[in-house]
């Protein structure tokens, strides 16, 4: 089976199959839900820094 090419080859026979692009990416990269989220780590950190600057009193509530 070749997930990247979305094909299964059995000798002379080849079968194509479809995989939803996001699911395919996650399988090929070995990502679970946390790994998928961590791909956006820089964006999350920037948001949190901006939030803390705007609302410093919320820092003690988390």
N, C-alpha and C. Protein backbone atom coordinates (compact mmCIF):
# COMPACT_ATOMS: atom_id res chain seq x y z
N UNK A 1 0.84 -1.18 0.00
CA UNK A 1 0.00 0.00 0.00
C UNK A 1 0.89 1.24 0.00
N UNK A 2 0.53 2.20 -0.81
CA UNK A 2 1.25 3.46 -0.90
C UNK A 2 0.26 4.57 -0.57
N UNK A 3 0.28 5.00 0.69
CA UNK A 3 -0.66 6.03 1.13
C UNK A 3 -0.43 7.34 0.40
N UNK A 4 0.82 7.72 0.21
CA UNK A 4 1.11 8.99 -0.46
C UNK A 4 0.53 9.02 -1.87
N UNK A 5 0.62 7.91 -2.59
CA UNK A 5 0.09 7.82 -3.95
C UNK A 5 -1.36 7.36 -3.96
N UNK A 6 -1.86 6.96 -2.82
CA UNK A 6 -3.22 6.46 -2.67
C UNK A 6 -3.49 5.28 -3.61
N UNK A 7 -2.58 4.30 -3.52
CA UNK A 7 -2.70 3.10 -4.36
C UNK A 7 -2.31 1.86 -3.58
N UNK A 8 -2.97 0.76 -3.93
CA UNK A 8 -2.58 -0.56 -3.45
C UNK A 8 -2.19 -1.36 -4.68
N UNK A 9 -0.99 -1.94 -4.66
CA UNK A 9 -0.52 -2.71 -5.80
C UNK A 9 -0.36 -4.16 -5.35
N UNK A 10 -1.00 -5.05 -6.10
CA UNK A 10 -0.91 -6.49 -5.85
C UNK A 10 -0.47 -7.16 -7.14
N UNK A 11 0.83 -7.34 -7.26
CA UNK A 11 1.35 -7.92 -8.50
C UNK A 11 1.08 -7.01 -9.69
N UNK A 12 0.30 -7.52 -10.64
CA UNK A 12 -0.05 -6.76 -11.84
C UNK A 12 -1.24 -5.83 -11.62
N UNK A 13 -1.94 -6.00 -10.52
CA UNK A 13 -3.14 -5.22 -10.26
C UNK A 13 -2.83 -4.01 -9.39
N UNK A 14 -3.47 -2.91 -9.70
CA UNK A 14 -3.31 -1.69 -8.91
C UNK A 14 -4.70 -1.13 -8.62
N UNK A 15 -4.93 -0.76 -7.38
CA UNK A 15 -6.20 -0.20 -6.96
C UNK A 15 -5.97 1.17 -6.35
N UNK A 16 -6.74 2.14 -6.82
CA UNK A 16 -6.66 3.48 -6.25
C UNK A 16 -7.70 3.61 -5.14
N UNK A 17 -7.39 4.42 -4.16
CA UNK A 17 -8.35 4.70 -3.10
C UNK A 17 -8.23 6.16 -2.71
N UNK A 18 -9.29 6.69 -2.13
CA UNK A 18 -9.31 8.10 -1.73
C UNK A 18 -9.18 8.22 -0.22
N UNK A 19 -8.41 9.21 0.18
CA UNK A 19 -8.26 9.55 1.60
C UNK A 19 -8.42 11.06 1.70
N UNK A 20 -9.24 11.49 2.64
CA UNK A 20 -9.46 12.93 2.86
C UNK A 20 -8.09 13.58 3.12
N UNK A 21 -7.80 14.73 2.49
CA UNK A 21 -6.45 15.33 2.57
C UNK A 21 -5.92 15.55 3.99
N UNK A 22 -6.77 16.02 4.90
CA UNK A 22 -6.29 16.26 6.27
C UNK A 22 -5.93 14.94 6.95
N UNK A 23 -6.75 13.93 6.77
CA UNK A 23 -6.47 12.62 7.36
C UNK A 23 -5.19 12.03 6.77
N UNK A 24 -5.02 12.18 5.47
CA UNK A 24 -3.81 11.68 4.79
C UNK A 24 -2.56 12.36 5.36
N UNK A 25 -2.61 13.68 5.49
CA UNK A 25 -1.48 14.43 6.05
C UNK A 25 -1.13 13.94 7.45
N UNK A 26 -2.17 13.78 8.29
CA UNK A 26 -1.94 13.34 9.66
C UNK A 26 -1.32 11.94 9.70
N UNK A 27 -1.80 11.03 8.86
CA UNK A 27 -1.25 9.68 8.82
C UNK A 27 0.19 9.67 8.33
N UNK A 28 0.46 10.43 7.27
CA UNK A 28 1.82 10.47 6.72
C UNK A 28 2.82 11.11 7.69
N UNK A 29 2.36 12.09 8.45
CA UNK A 29 3.23 12.79 9.39
C UNK A 29 3.24 12.16 10.79
N UNK A 30 2.35 11.20 11.02
CA UNK A 30 2.28 10.55 12.33
C UNK A 30 1.74 11.47 13.41
N UNK A 31 0.77 12.31 13.05
CA UNK A 31 0.25 13.30 13.98
C UNK A 31 -1.03 12.83 14.66
N UNK A 32 -1.10 13.00 15.96
CA UNK A 32 -2.36 12.81 16.68
C UNK A 32 -2.96 14.20 16.89
N UNK A 33 -4.01 14.30 17.70
CA UNK A 33 -4.66 15.59 17.91
C UNK A 33 -3.70 16.63 18.50
N UNK A 34 -2.88 16.20 19.45
CA UNK A 34 -1.94 17.13 20.08
C UNK A 34 -0.87 17.56 19.09
N UNK A 35 -0.33 16.63 18.34
CA UNK A 35 0.67 16.94 17.33
C UNK A 35 0.14 17.90 16.28
N UNK A 36 -1.11 17.69 15.88
CA UNK A 36 -1.74 18.59 14.92
C UNK A 36 -1.83 20.00 15.49
N UNK A 37 -2.22 20.11 16.75
CA UNK A 37 -2.32 21.42 17.41
C UNK A 37 -0.95 22.07 17.53
N UNK A 38 0.06 21.30 17.87
CA UNK A 38 1.40 21.86 18.06
C UNK A 38 2.02 22.38 16.77
N UNK A 39 1.47 22.02 15.62
CA UNK A 39 1.95 22.61 14.38
C UNK A 39 1.64 24.10 14.33
N UNK A 40 0.74 24.56 15.17
CA UNK A 40 0.35 25.96 15.23
C UNK A 40 0.89 26.64 16.49
N UNK A 41 1.94 26.08 17.06
CA UNK A 41 2.49 26.56 18.33
C UNK A 41 2.86 28.04 18.29
N UNK A 42 3.52 28.50 17.25
CA UNK A 42 3.94 29.91 17.18
C UNK A 42 2.73 30.84 17.16
N UNK A 43 1.69 30.47 16.44
CA UNK A 43 0.48 31.28 16.37
C UNK A 43 -0.21 31.32 17.73
N UNK A 44 -0.26 30.19 18.40
CA UNK A 44 -0.88 30.11 19.72
C UNK A 44 -0.10 30.96 20.73
N UNK A 45 1.22 30.87 20.69
CA UNK A 45 2.04 31.66 21.61
C UNK A 45 1.88 33.15 21.35
N UNK A 46 1.80 33.54 20.09
CA UNK A 46 1.60 34.96 19.77
C UNK A 46 0.25 35.44 20.28
N UNK A 47 -0.78 34.64 20.12
CA UNK A 47 -2.10 34.99 20.63
C UNK A 47 -2.08 35.14 22.15
N UNK A 48 -1.46 34.19 22.82
CA UNK A 48 -1.40 34.22 24.29
C UNK A 48 -0.63 35.45 24.78
N UNK A 49 0.45 35.80 24.11
CA UNK A 49 1.23 36.98 24.50
C UNK A 49 0.41 38.25 24.31
N UNK A 50 -0.30 38.34 23.19
CA UNK A 50 -1.15 39.50 22.93
C UNK A 50 -2.28 39.58 23.97
N UNK A 51 -2.88 38.45 24.27
CA UNK A 51 -3.96 38.39 25.26
C UNK A 51 -3.47 38.84 26.63
N UNK A 52 -2.29 38.39 27.02
CA UNK A 52 -1.73 38.76 28.31
C UNK A 52 -1.43 40.26 28.36
N UNK A 53 -0.93 40.82 27.25
CA UNK A 53 -0.64 42.25 27.20
C UNK A 53 -1.92 43.07 27.31
N UNK A 54 -2.98 42.60 26.69
CA UNK A 54 -4.26 43.33 26.71
C UNK A 54 -5.01 43.17 28.03
N UNK A 55 -4.89 41.99 28.63
CA UNK A 55 -5.65 41.67 29.84
C UNK A 55 -4.73 41.05 30.90
N UNK A 56 -3.80 41.82 31.45
CA UNK A 56 -2.81 41.25 32.37
C UNK A 56 -3.45 40.63 33.62
N UNK A 57 -4.62 41.10 34.03
CA UNK A 57 -5.26 40.55 35.21
C UNK A 57 -5.74 39.10 35.00
N UNK A 58 -5.81 38.64 33.76
CA UNK A 58 -6.23 37.26 33.51
C UNK A 58 -5.09 36.25 33.70
N UNK A 59 -3.88 36.74 33.85
CA UNK A 59 -2.72 35.83 33.99
C UNK A 59 -2.85 34.95 35.21
N UNK A 60 -3.46 35.43 36.27
CA UNK A 60 -3.56 34.66 37.50
C UNK A 60 -4.76 33.74 37.54
N UNK A 61 -5.63 33.78 36.53
CA UNK A 61 -6.83 32.96 36.55
C UNK A 61 -6.69 31.64 35.79
N UNK A 62 -5.59 31.44 35.14
CA UNK A 62 -5.40 30.22 34.35
C UNK A 62 -4.59 29.22 35.11
